[in-house]
C-alpha atoms as a PDB file:
ATOM      1  CA  MET A   1      -8.069  55.901 -32.061  1.00  0.00           C
ATOM      2  CA  LYS A   2      -8.578  53.078 -29.591  1.00  0.00           C
ATOM      3  CA  THR A   3      -6.580  49.898 -29.760  1.00  0.00           C
ATOM      4  CA  LYS A   4      -8.277  46.523 -30.035  1.00  0.00           C
ATOM      5  CA  GLN A   5      -7.520  45.832 -26.376  1.00  0.00           C
ATOM      6  CA  GLU A   6      -9.456  48.936 -25.283  1.00  0.00           C
ATOM      7  CA  ASN A   7     -12.529  47.776 -27.196  1.00  0.00           C
ATOM      8  CA  ILE A   8     -12.694  44.394 -25.473  1.00  0.00           C
ATOM      9  CA  PHE A   9     -14.894  44.205 -22.376  1.00  0.00           C
ATOM     10  CA  SER A  10     -13.472  42.259 -19.464  1.00  0.00           C
ATOM     11  CA  SER A  11     -15.824  39.700 -17.960  1.00  0.00           C
ATOM     12  CA  LYS A  12     -15.956  41.857 -14.832  1.00  0.00           C
ATOM     13  CA  THR A  13     -16.953  44.961 -16.793  1.00  0.00           C
ATOM     14  CA  LEU A  14     -19.543  43.006 -18.749  1.00  0.00           C
ATOM     15  CA  SER A  15     -21.080  41.611 -15.559  1.00  0.00           C
ATOM     16  CA  TYR A  16     -21.217  45.133 -14.108  1.00  0.00           C
ATOM     17  CA  PHE A  17     -22.926  46.416 -17.236  1.00  0.00           C
ATOM     18  CA  LEU A  18     -25.444  43.560 -17.287  1.00  0.00           C
ATOM     19  CA  GLN A  19     -26.305  44.060 -13.605  1.00  0.00           C
ATOM     20  CA  LEU A  20     -26.806  47.768 -14.237  1.00  0.00           C
ATOM     21  CA  ALA A  21     -28.995  47.050 -17.264  1.00  0.00           C
ATOM     22  CA  GLU A  22     -31.074  44.634 -15.190  1.00  0.00           C
ATOM     23  CA  THR A  23     -31.628  46.976 -12.250  1.00  0.00           C
ATOM     24  CA  MET A  24     -31.488  50.296 -14.138  1.00  0.00           C
ATOM     25  CA  ASN A  25     -30.144  51.716 -10.867  1.00  0.00           C
ATOM     26  CA  TYR A  26     -26.461  52.387 -10.118  1.00  0.00           C
ATOM     27  CA  THR A  27     -26.837  52.183  -6.334  1.00  0.00           C
ATOM     28  CA  GLN A  28     -28.799  48.929  -6.388  1.00  0.00           C
ATOM     29  CA  ALA A  29     -26.498  47.363  -8.978  1.00  0.00           C
ATOM     30  CA  ALA A  30     -23.413  48.311  -6.954  1.00  0.00           C
ATOM     31  CA  GLN A  31     -24.906  46.812  -3.795  1.00  0.00           C
ATOM     32  CA  LEU A  32     -25.715  43.563  -5.593  1.00  0.00           C
ATOM     33  CA  LEU A  33     -22.202  43.434  -7.047  1.00  0.00           C
ATOM     34  CA  GLY A  34     -20.575  44.158  -3.685  1.00  0.00           C
ATOM     35  CA  ILE A  35     -18.849  47.345  -4.848  1.00  0.00           C
ATOM     36  CA  THR A  36     -19.385  51.049  -4.248  1.00  0.00           C
ATOM     37  CA  GLN A  37     -21.540  53.154  -6.532  1.00  0.00           C
ATOM     38  CA  PRO A  38     -18.612  55.417  -7.551  1.00  0.00           C
ATOM     39  CA  ALA A  39     -16.564  52.327  -8.463  1.00  0.00           C
ATOM     40  CA  LEU A  40     -19.393  51.038 -10.648  1.00  0.00           C
ATOM     41  CA  THR A  41     -19.810  54.438 -12.282  1.00  0.00           C
ATOM     42  CA  GLN A  42     -16.086  54.575 -13.076  1.00  0.00           C
ATOM     43  CA  GLN A  43     -16.081  51.091 -14.584  1.00  0.00           C
ATOM     44  CA  ILE A  44     -19.032  51.963 -16.823  1.00  0.00           C
ATOM     45  CA  LYS A  45     -17.405  55.238 -17.896  1.00  0.00           C
ATOM     46  CA  ASN A  46     -14.207  53.419 -18.808  1.00  0.00           C
END
C-alpha cells in the first residue's frame, strides 16, 4: 500500500506529465523540458 506522500505529484512531475500529454511524444517532450528521454520515462514510471 502506498503512503500519502507517494500519491502526491511534485510540481516537476506534473509539468513533465502535462508536457508529455501535450506532445504525445516522449522525445519531443524531453527536448522541450531540457531533460533526456530516459529521464522523462523514469519520472513518468515513478
